[in-house]
C-alpha atoms as a PDB file:
ATOM      1  CA  MET A   1      87.414  96.745 120.477  1.00  0.00           C
ATOM      2  CA  GLY A   2      89.398  96.749 123.561  1.00  0.00           C
ATOM      3  CA  ILE A   3      91.472  99.969 124.459  1.00  0.00           C
ATOM      4  CA  LEU A   4      95.159  99.770 124.961  1.00  0.00           C
ATOM      5  CA  ASN A   5      96.561 103.091 125.837  1.00  0.00           C
ATOM      6  CA  VAL A   6     100.451 103.196 125.739  1.00  0.00           C
ATOM      7  CA  THR A   7     100.665 106.708 126.957  1.00  0.00           C
ATOM      8  CA  PRO A   8     101.594 108.149 130.283  1.00  0.00           C
ATOM      9  CA  ASP A   9      98.684 110.674 130.243  1.00  0.00           C
ATOM     10  CA  SER A  10      95.362 109.235 128.991  1.00  0.00           C
ATOM     11  CA  PHE A  11      92.301 109.998 131.186  1.00  0.00           C
ATOM     12  CA  SER A  12      91.601 106.906 132.691  1.00  0.00           C
ATOM     13  CA  ASP A  13      94.528 104.382 132.313  1.00  0.00           C
ATOM     14  CA  GLY A  14      97.365 106.608 131.617  1.00  0.00           C
ATOM     15  CA  GLY A  15     100.655 104.808 132.617  1.00  0.00           C
ATOM     16  CA  ARG A  16      99.267 101.683 133.201  1.00  0.00           C
ATOM     17  CA  HIS A  17     100.446  99.802 130.253  1.00  0.00           C
ATOM     18  CA  VAL A  18     103.567 101.757 129.005  1.00  0.00           C
ATOM     19  CA  SER A  19     105.858  98.521 129.257  1.00  0.00           C
ATOM     20  CA  LEU A  20     105.880  96.108 126.325  1.00  0.00           C
ATOM     21  CA  ASP A  21     105.022  93.174 128.873  1.00  0.00           C
ATOM     22  CA  ASP A  22     102.144  95.129 130.529  1.00  0.00           C
ATOM     23  CA  ALA A  23     100.658  95.974 127.409  1.00  0.00           C
ATOM     24  CA  LEU A  24     100.749  92.354 126.053  1.00  0.00           C
ATOM     25  CA  ARG A  25      99.286  91.149 129.230  1.00  0.00           C
ATOM     26  CA  HIS A  26      96.522  93.627 129.250  1.00  0.00           C
ATOM     27  CA  ALA A  27      95.539  92.771 125.657  1.00  0.00           C
ATOM     28  CA  GLU A  28      95.998  89.106 126.191  1.00  0.00           C
ATOM     29  CA  ARG A  29      93.186  89.575 128.997  1.00  0.00           C
ATOM     30  CA  MET A  30      90.887  91.685 126.535  1.00  0.00           C
ATOM     31  CA  LEU A  31      91.160  88.918 124.066  1.00  0.00           C
ATOM     32  CA  ALA A  32      90.242  86.391 126.441  1.00  0.00           C
ATOM     33  CA  GLU A  33      87.157  88.254 127.657  1.00  0.00           C
ATOM     34  CA  GLY A  34      86.084  88.602 123.952  1.00  0.00           C
ATOM     35  CA  ALA A  35      87.585  91.523 122.410  1.00  0.00           C
ATOM     36  CA  ALA A  36      87.830  91.007 118.544  1.00  0.00           C
ATOM     37  CA  ILE A  37      89.869  94.068 117.937  1.00  0.00           C
ATOM     38  CA  ILE A  38      92.719  95.979 120.132  1.00  0.00           C
ATOM     39  CA  ASP A  39      92.954  99.706 119.478  1.00  0.00           C
ATOM     40  CA  VAL A  40      96.477 100.778 120.413  1.00  0.00           C
ATOM     41  CA  GLY A  41      97.146 104.520 121.008  1.00  0.00           C
ATOM     42  CA  GLY A  42     100.376 106.309 121.472  1.00  0.00           C
ATOM     43  CA  GLU A  43      98.940 109.660 121.651  1.00  0.00           C
ATOM     44  CA  SER A  44      96.625 110.909 124.334  1.00  0.00           C
ATOM     45  CA  THR A  45      93.602 112.707 122.925  1.00  0.00           C
ATOM     46  CA  ARG A  46      91.843 113.587 126.224  1.00  0.00           C
ATOM     47  CA  PRO A  47      90.448 117.242 126.622  1.00  0.00           C
ATOM     48  CA  GLY A  48      93.590 119.552 127.171  1.00  0.00           C
ATOM     49  CA  ALA A  49      96.224 116.956 126.205  1.00  0.00           C
ATOM     50  CA  ASP A  50      99.265 118.079 124.335  1.00  0.00           C
ATOM     51  CA  GLY A  51     100.348 116.721 121.136  1.00  0.00           C
ATOM     52  CA  VAL A  52     103.453 114.467 120.590  1.00  0.00           C
ATOM     53  CA  SER A  53     105.857 114.105 117.950  1.00  0.00           C
ATOM     54  CA  PRO A  54     105.340 111.505 115.261  1.00  0.00           C
ATOM     55  CA  GLN A  55     108.955 109.837 116.245  1.00  0.00           C
ATOM     56  CA  GLN A  56     107.678 109.600 119.973  1.00  0.00           C
ATOM     57  CA  GLU A  57     104.325 108.252 119.079  1.00  0.00           C
ATOM     58  CA  LEU A  58     105.984 105.681 116.895  1.00  0.00           C
ATOM     59  CA  GLU A  59     108.390 104.726 119.614  1.00  0.00           C
ATOM     60  CA  ARG A  60     105.331 103.801 121.816  1.00  0.00           C
ATOM     61  CA  VAL A  61     103.160 102.377 119.460  1.00  0.00           C
ATOM     62  CA  ALA A  62     105.500 100.290 116.982  1.00  0.00           C
ATOM     63  CA  PRO A  63     106.813  97.552 119.253  1.00  0.00           C
ATOM     64  CA  VAL A  64     103.380  96.857 120.648  1.00  0.00           C
ATOM     65  CA  VAL A  65     101.665  96.585 117.464  1.00  0.00           C
ATOM     66  CA  GLU A  66     104.532  94.152 116.199  1.00  0.00           C
ATOM     67  CA  ALA A  67     104.173  92.029 119.515  1.00  0.00           C
ATOM     68  CA  LEU A  68     100.600  91.823 119.303  1.00  0.00           C
ATOM     69  CA  VAL A  69     100.464  90.581 115.727  1.00  0.00           C
ATOM     70  CA  ARG A  70     103.538  88.207 116.421  1.00  0.00           C
ATOM     71  CA  GLU A  71     102.751  86.841 119.636  1.00  0.00           C
ATOM     72  CA  LEU A  72      98.831  87.037 120.195  1.00  0.00           C
ATOM     73  CA  ASP A  73      97.785  87.076 116.454  1.00  0.00           C
ATOM     74  CA  ALA A  74      95.529  89.861 117.357  1.00  0.00           C
ATOM     75  CA  LEU A  75      93.702  92.227 114.798  1.00  0.00           C
ATOM     76  CA  VAL A  76      95.131  95.497 115.877  1.00  0.00           C
ATOM     77  CA  SER A  77      93.474  98.894 115.208  1.00  0.00           C
ATOM     78  CA  VAL A  78      96.057 101.806 115.535  1.00  0.00           C
ATOM     79  CA  ASP A  79      94.580 105.123 116.962  1.00  0.00           C
ATOM     80  CA  THR A  80      96.716 107.743 115.056  1.00  0.00           C
ATOM     81  CA  SER A  81      96.665 110.852 112.867  1.00  0.00           C
ATOM     82  CA  SER A  82     100.100 110.528 111.937  1.00  0.00           C
ATOM     83  CA  PRO A  83     101.242 109.335 108.352  1.00  0.00           C
ATOM     84  CA  GLU A  84     104.496 107.857 109.619  1.00  0.00           C
ATOM     85  CA  VAL A  85     102.613 105.808 112.226  1.00  0.00           C
ATOM     86  CA  ILE A  86      99.945 104.872 109.589  1.00  0.00           C
ATOM     87  CA  ARG A  87     102.733 103.404 107.191  1.00  0.00           C
ATOM     88  CA  GLU A  88     104.793 101.902 109.897  1.00  0.00           C
ATOM     89  CA  SER A  89     101.702 100.203 111.751  1.00  0.00           C
ATOM     90  CA  ALA A  90     100.645  98.903 108.341  1.00  0.00           C
ATOM     91  CA  ALA A  91     104.141  97.287 107.733  1.00  0.00           C
ATOM     92  CA  LEU A  92     104.106  95.742 110.902  1.00  0.00           C
ATOM     93  CA  GLY A  93     100.982  93.948 110.424  1.00  0.00           C
ATOM     94  CA  ALA A  94      98.043  96.349 111.832  1.00  0.00           C
ATOM     95  CA  GLY A  95      94.725  95.566 110.484  1.00  0.00           C
ATOM     96  CA  MET A  96      92.916  98.977 110.688  1.00  0.00           C
ATOM     97  CA  ILE A  97      93.625 102.575 111.226  1.00  0.00           C
ATOM     98  CA  ASN A  98      91.511 104.597 113.651  1.00  0.00           C
ATOM     99  CA  ASP A  99      91.977 108.509 113.186  1.00  0.00           C
ATOM    100  CA  VAL A 100      90.374 111.032 115.470  1.00  0.00           C
ATOM    101  CA  ARG A 101      91.210 113.765 112.901  1.00  0.00           C
ATOM    102  CA  ALA A 102      89.485 111.860 109.990  1.00  0.00           C
ATOM    103  CA  LEU A 103      92.731 111.966 107.711  1.00  0.00           C
ATOM    104  CA  GLU A 104      92.760 115.727 107.757  1.00  0.00           C
ATOM    105  CA  ARG A 105      96.482 115.905 108.971  1.00  0.00           C
ATOM    106  CA  GLU A 106      98.745 116.485 105.927  1.00  0.00           C
ATOM    107  CA  GLY A 107     100.135 113.338 104.336  1.00  0.00           C
ATOM    108  CA  ALA A 108      97.491 111.051 106.390  1.00  0.00           C
ATOM    109  CA  MET A 109      95.340 110.566 103.564  1.00  0.00           C
ATOM    110  CA  VAL A 110      98.025 109.421 101.066  1.00  0.00           C
ATOM    111  CA  ALA A 111      99.528 107.079 103.815  1.00  0.00           C
ATOM    112  CA  ALA A 112      96.142 105.703 104.556  1.00  0.00           C
ATOM    113  CA  ILE A 113      95.504 104.909 100.912  1.00  0.00           C
ATOM    114  CA  GLY A 114      98.837 103.406 100.667  1.00  0.00           C
ATOM    115  CA  SER A 115      98.445 101.099 103.757  1.00  0.00           C
ATOM    116  CA  GLY A 116      95.558  99.286 101.922  1.00  0.00           C
ATOM    117  CA  LEU A 117      93.633  99.186 105.567  1.00  0.00           C
ATOM    118  CA  PRO A 118      90.294 100.126 106.491  1.00  0.00           C
ATOM    119  CA  VAL A 119      90.270 103.479 108.305  1.00  0.00           C
ATOM    120  CA  CYS A 120      87.718 104.861 110.840  1.00  0.00           C
ATOM    121  CA  LEU A 121      86.828 108.665 110.426  1.00  0.00           C
ATOM    122  CA  MET A 122      85.873 110.449 113.484  1.00  0.00           C
ATOM    123  CA  HIS A 123      83.959 113.807 113.878  1.00  0.00           C
ATOM    124  CA  ARG A 124      85.648 116.517 116.200  1.00  0.00           C
ATOM    125  CA  GLN A 125      85.667 120.112 116.620  1.00  0.00           C
ATOM    126  CA  GLY A 126      88.894 121.739 117.463  1.00  0.00           C
ATOM    127  CA  GLU A 127      91.998 119.977 118.818  1.00  0.00           C
ATOM    128  CA  PRO A 128      92.458 117.908 122.162  1.00  0.00           C
ATOM    129  CA  ARG A 129      94.023 120.819 123.812  1.00  0.00           C
ATOM    130  CA  ASP A 130      91.180 123.182 123.336  1.00  0.00           C
ATOM    131  CA  MET A 131      88.323 121.362 121.928  1.00  0.00           C
ATOM    132  CA  GLN A 132      86.113 121.410 125.370  1.00  0.00           C
ATOM    133  CA  GLN A 133      86.636 125.051 126.157  1.00  0.00           C
ATOM    134  CA  ALA A 134      83.500 126.400 124.541  1.00  0.00           C
ATOM    135  CA  PRO A 135      82.014 123.871 121.905  1.00  0.00           C
ATOM    136  CA  ARG A 136      79.037 125.125 119.826  1.00  0.00           C
ATOM    137  CA  TYR A 137      77.231 124.299 116.752  1.00  0.00           C
ATOM    138  CA  ASP A 138      74.963 126.398 114.472  1.00  0.00           C
ATOM    139  CA  VAL A 139      72.857 123.358 113.552  1.00  0.00           C
ATOM    140  CA  PRO A 140      71.698 120.392 115.500  1.00  0.00           C
ATOM    141  CA  ILE A 141      74.540 118.229 116.725  1.00  0.00           C
ATOM    142  CA  GLU A 142      73.528 115.261 114.663  1.00  0.00           C
ATOM    143  CA  GLU A 143      73.304 117.326 111.392  1.00  0.00           C
ATOM    144  CA  ALA A 144      76.687 118.903 112.225  1.00  0.00           C
ATOM    145  CA  VAL A 145      78.297 115.529 112.780  1.00  0.00           C
ATOM    146  CA  ALA A 146      76.421 113.608 109.576  1.00  0.00           C
ATOM    147  CA  ASP A 147      77.542 116.524 107.301  1.00  0.00           C
ATOM    148  CA  TYR A 148      80.955 116.581 108.430  1.00  0.00           C
ATOM    149  CA  LEU A 149      81.301 112.882 108.128  1.00  0.00           C
ATOM    150  CA  ALA A 150      79.573 112.710 104.776  1.00  0.00           C
ATOM    151  CA  ALA A 151      82.135 115.370 103.447  1.00  0.00           C
ATOM    152  CA  ARG A 152      85.110 113.349 104.945  1.00  0.00           C
ATOM    153  CA  VAL A 153      84.118 110.320 103.225  1.00  0.00           C
ATOM    154  CA  ALA A 154      83.590 112.321 100.009  1.00  0.00           C
ATOM    155  CA  ALA A 155      87.011 113.471 100.224  1.00  0.00           C
ATOM    156  CA  CYS A 156      88.425 109.838 100.802  1.00  0.00           C
ATOM    157  CA  GLU A 157      86.397 108.678  97.807  1.00  0.00           C
ATOM    158  CA  GLN A 158      87.785 111.406  95.502  1.00  0.00           C
ATOM    159  CA  ALA A 159      91.280 110.827  96.828  1.00  0.00           C
ATOM    160  CA  GLY A 160      90.912 107.117  95.921  1.00  0.00           C
ATOM    161  CA  LEU A 161      90.155 105.678  99.309  1.00  0.00           C
ATOM    162  CA  HIS A 162      87.021 103.354  98.451  1.00  0.00           C
ATOM    163  CA  ARG A 163      83.934 103.669 100.568  1.00  0.00           C
ATOM    164  CA  ASP A 164      84.208  99.895 101.535  1.00  0.00           C
ATOM    165  CA  ARG A 165      87.209 100.594 103.471  1.00  0.00           C
ATOM    166  CA  LEU A 166      85.653 103.377 105.776  1.00  0.00           C
ATOM    167  CA  LEU A 167      84.054 103.215 109.142  1.00  0.00           C
ATOM    168  CA  LEU A 168      82.512 106.269 110.890  1.00  0.00           C
ATOM    169  CA  ASP A 169      82.738 107.427 114.691  1.00  0.00           C
ATOM    170  CA  PRO A 170      80.415 110.268 115.889  1.00  0.00           C
ATOM    171  CA  GLY A 171      83.264 111.495 118.508  1.00  0.00           C
ATOM    172  CA  PHE A 172      81.706 111.639 121.698  1.00  0.00           C
ATOM    173  CA  GLY A 173      83.284 113.953 123.849  1.00  0.00           C
ATOM    174  CA  PHE A 174      85.365 115.470 121.097  1.00  0.00           C
ATOM    175  CA  GLY A 175      84.230 119.112 121.062  1.00  0.00           C
ATOM    176  CA  LYS A 176      80.860 118.556 122.505  1.00  0.00           C
ATOM    177  CA  THR A 177      79.098 119.458 125.799  1.00  0.00           C
ATOM    178  CA  VAL A 178      77.070 116.766 127.849  1.00  0.00           C
ATOM    179  CA  GLU A 179      73.858 117.812 126.168  1.00  0.00           C
ATOM    180  CA  HIS A 180      75.411 117.578 122.868  1.00  0.00           C
ATOM    181  CA  ASN A 181      76.567 113.897 123.456  1.00  0.00           C
ATOM    182  CA  LEU A 182      73.239 112.919 125.023  1.00  0.00           C
ATOM    183  CA  ARG A 183      71.219 114.333 121.966  1.00  0.00           C
ATOM    184  CA  LEU A 184      73.853 112.783 119.544  1.00  0.00           C
ATOM    185  CA  LEU A 185      73.559 109.120 121.074  1.00  0.00           C
ATOM    186  CA  ASN A 186      69.635 109.645 121.118  1.00  0.00           C
ATOM    187  CA  ARG A 187      69.385 110.689 117.548  1.00  0.00           C
ATOM    188  CA  MET A 188      72.280 108.536 116.232  1.00  0.00           C
ATOM    189  CA  GLU A 189      69.950 106.958 113.466  1.00  0.00           C
ATOM    190  CA  ARG A 190      70.766 110.119 111.572  1.00  0.00           C
ATOM    191  CA  LEU A 191      74.298 108.829 111.200  1.00  0.00           C
ATOM    192  CA  VAL A 192      73.074 105.261 110.132  1.00  0.00           C
ATOM    193  CA  GLU A 193      71.676 106.875 107.100  1.00  0.00           C
ATOM    194  CA  LEU A 194      75.247 107.327 105.898  1.00  0.00           C
ATOM    195  CA  GLU A 195      75.328 103.826 105.300  1.00  0.00           C
ATOM    196  CA  LEU A 196      78.620 102.909 106.976  1.00  0.00           C
ATOM    197  CA  PRO A 197      79.560 100.959 109.968  1.00  0.00           C
ATOM    198  CA  LEU A 198      79.720 103.081 113.037  1.00  0.00           C
ATOM    199  CA  LEU A 199      82.227 102.944 115.796  1.00  0.00           C
ATOM    200  CA  VAL A 200      81.262 104.237 119.178  1.00  0.00           C
ATOM    201  CA  GLY A 201      83.634 105.115 122.017  1.00  0.00           C
ATOM    202  CA  MET A 202      81.838 106.204 125.426  1.00  0.00           C
ATOM    203  CA  SER A 203      83.667 104.132 127.875  1.00  0.00           C
ATOM    204  CA  ARG A 204      84.528 106.058 131.119  1.00  0.00           C
ATOM    205  CA  LYS A 205      83.878 109.215 129.627  1.00  0.00           C
ATOM    206  CA  SER A 206      83.108 112.690 131.362  1.00  0.00           C
ATOM    207  CA  MET A 207      79.520 112.590 130.080  1.00  0.00           C
ATOM    208  CA  ILE A 208      78.847 109.620 132.388  1.00  0.00           C
ATOM    209  CA  GLY A 209      80.656 111.180 135.322  1.00  0.00           C
ATOM    210  CA  LYS A 210      78.595 114.439 134.899  1.00  0.00           C
ATOM    211  CA  VAL A 211      75.140 112.693 134.549  1.00  0.00           C
ATOM    212  CA  LEU A 212      75.776 110.338 137.249  1.00  0.00           C
ATOM    213  CA  GLU A 213      78.088 112.201 139.401  1.00  0.00           C
ATOM    214  CA  ARG A 214      80.578 109.376 139.341  1.00  0.00           C
ATOM    215  CA  PRO A 215      84.484 109.375 139.217  1.00  0.00           C
ATOM    216  CA  VAL A 216      86.104 107.354 136.392  1.00  0.00           C
ATOM    217  CA  GLU A 217      86.484 104.230 138.199  1.00  0.00           C
ATOM    218  CA  GLU A 218      82.704 104.231 139.015  1.00  0.00           C
ATOM    219  CA  ARG A 219      81.410 104.790 135.619  1.00  0.00           C
ATOM    220  CA  LEU A 220      81.010 101.224 134.473  1.00  0.00           C
ATOM    221  CA  PRO A 221      77.160 100.769 134.937  1.00  0.00           C
ATOM    222  CA  GLY A 222      76.721 104.024 133.025  1.00  0.00           C
ATOM    223  CA  GLY A 223      78.905 103.152 130.350  1.00  0.00           C
ATOM    224  CA  LEU A 224      77.019  99.610 129.926  1.00  0.00           C
ATOM    225  CA  ALA A 225      73.826 101.495 129.687  1.00  0.00           C
ATOM    226  CA  LEU A 226      75.310 103.576 126.890  1.00  0.00           C
ATOM    227  CA  THR A 227      76.675 100.511 125.304  1.00  0.00           C
ATOM    228  CA  ALA A 228      73.208  99.002 125.028  1.00  0.00           C
ATOM    229  CA  MET A 229      71.635 101.892 123.829  1.00  0.00           C
ATOM    230  CA  ALA A 230      74.436 102.527 121.093  1.00  0.00           C
ATOM    231  CA  VAL A 231      73.807  99.056 119.742  1.00  0.00           C
ATOM    232  CA  GLU A 232      70.251  99.554 119.672  1.00  0.00           C
ATOM    233  CA  ARG A 233      70.839 102.717 117.642  1.00  0.00           C
ATOM    234  CA  GLY A 234      73.217 101.070 115.023  1.00  0.00           C
ATOM    235  CA  ALA A 235      76.634 100.699 116.571  1.00  0.00           C
ATOM    236  CA  ARG A 236      78.529  97.967 115.107  1.00  0.00           C
ATOM    237  CA  ILE A 237      81.899  98.328 117.073  1.00  0.00           C
ATOM    238  CA  LEU A 238      81.989  99.225 120.661  1.00  0.00           C
ATOM    239  CA  ARG A 239      85.453 100.860 121.847  1.00  0.00           C
ATOM    240  CA  VAL A 240      85.525 100.059 125.574  1.00  0.00           C
ATOM    241  CA  HIS A 241      88.025  99.821 128.661  1.00  0.00           C
ATOM    242  CA  ASP A 242      86.070  96.997 130.294  1.00  0.00           C
ATOM    243  CA  VAL A 243      85.366  94.315 127.632  1.00  0.00           C
ATOM    244  CA  ALA A 244      83.941  91.339 129.719  1.00  0.00           C
ATOM    245  CA  PRO A 245      80.964  93.231 131.016  1.00  0.00           C
ATOM    246  CA  SER A 246      80.567  95.117 127.812  1.00  0.00           C
ATOM    247  CA  VAL A 247      80.485  91.817 125.626  1.00  0.00           C
ATOM    248  CA  ASP A 248      77.597  90.780 127.982  1.00  0.00           C
ATOM    249  CA  ALA A 249      76.001  94.048 127.459  1.00  0.00           C
ATOM    250  CA  VAL A 250      76.145  93.891 123.762  1.00  0.00           C
ATOM    251  CA  ASN A 251      75.145  90.241 123.443  1.00  0.00           C
ATOM    252  CA  MET A 252      72.050  90.673 125.712  1.00  0.00           C
ATOM    253  CA  THR A 253      70.859  93.709 123.674  1.00  0.00           C
ATOM    254  CA  TRP A 254      71.487  91.879 120.415  1.00  0.00           C
ATOM    255  CA  ALA A 255      69.630  89.042 121.607  1.00  0.00           C
ATOM    256  CA  VAL A 256      66.616  91.293 122.275  1.00  0.00           C
ATOM    257  CA  LEU A 257      67.004  93.137 118.952  1.00  0.00           C
ATOM    258  CA  LYS A 258      67.158  89.585 117.183  1.00  0.00           C
ATOM    259  CA  GLU A 259      64.583  88.044 119.541  1.00  0.00           C
ATOM    260  CA  SER A 260      66.860  84.984 119.666  1.00  0.00           C
ATOM    261  CA  CYS A 261      69.799  83.870 121.739  1.00  0.00           C
END
């Protein structure tokens, strides 16, 4: 899954793909490098980020989704929590909803059910503006994440969103310390027990920077190590900025796990 942020303030690529032409060309490169999905986001969810209105988010996202589907025939995921954006994205041909708030925002569950699309539910603690101020858990992080995601899956099923349309994201970096993130990846088999596909996003995140003391632009090697470990521990979709090297890391890891090229 290649990341396409059409925001001015995302943590590593804010403002780079705001124009429609820049967004299309970047998506085209990621597809050529092996991305199977393009994940379009119109609201920054980096730590400390302020929210945006649904209208502003829609103005950023809708033209890009429409163009990606029409011009590149891309499978598009939309990174949103807004029911308005969910509905409009589905109408424009998006193939998936990726919600960091796990359909908790008012109206999002109904919109997701009506869209007919698969939905990724992510774990987080708090909101982007405050989630990294003092994250703490009363139980081991892997248990907290598994319990939350299991509860959200149950809520979806009760509302009529069938299990076979759901994916799960552990939410690395969303209300978690570096130690939380490291333990969560190391013990990710606990989430595999939920028996739903796992989507993992750790590309360029601060956990890499803090462990390796690297700025954003020097975090690729650490990110590739995390990618390989995530695949080994059950991840089936990797959300990344650097598609070509990540595809190689995934393919090499997979060859070892299958003992076949």
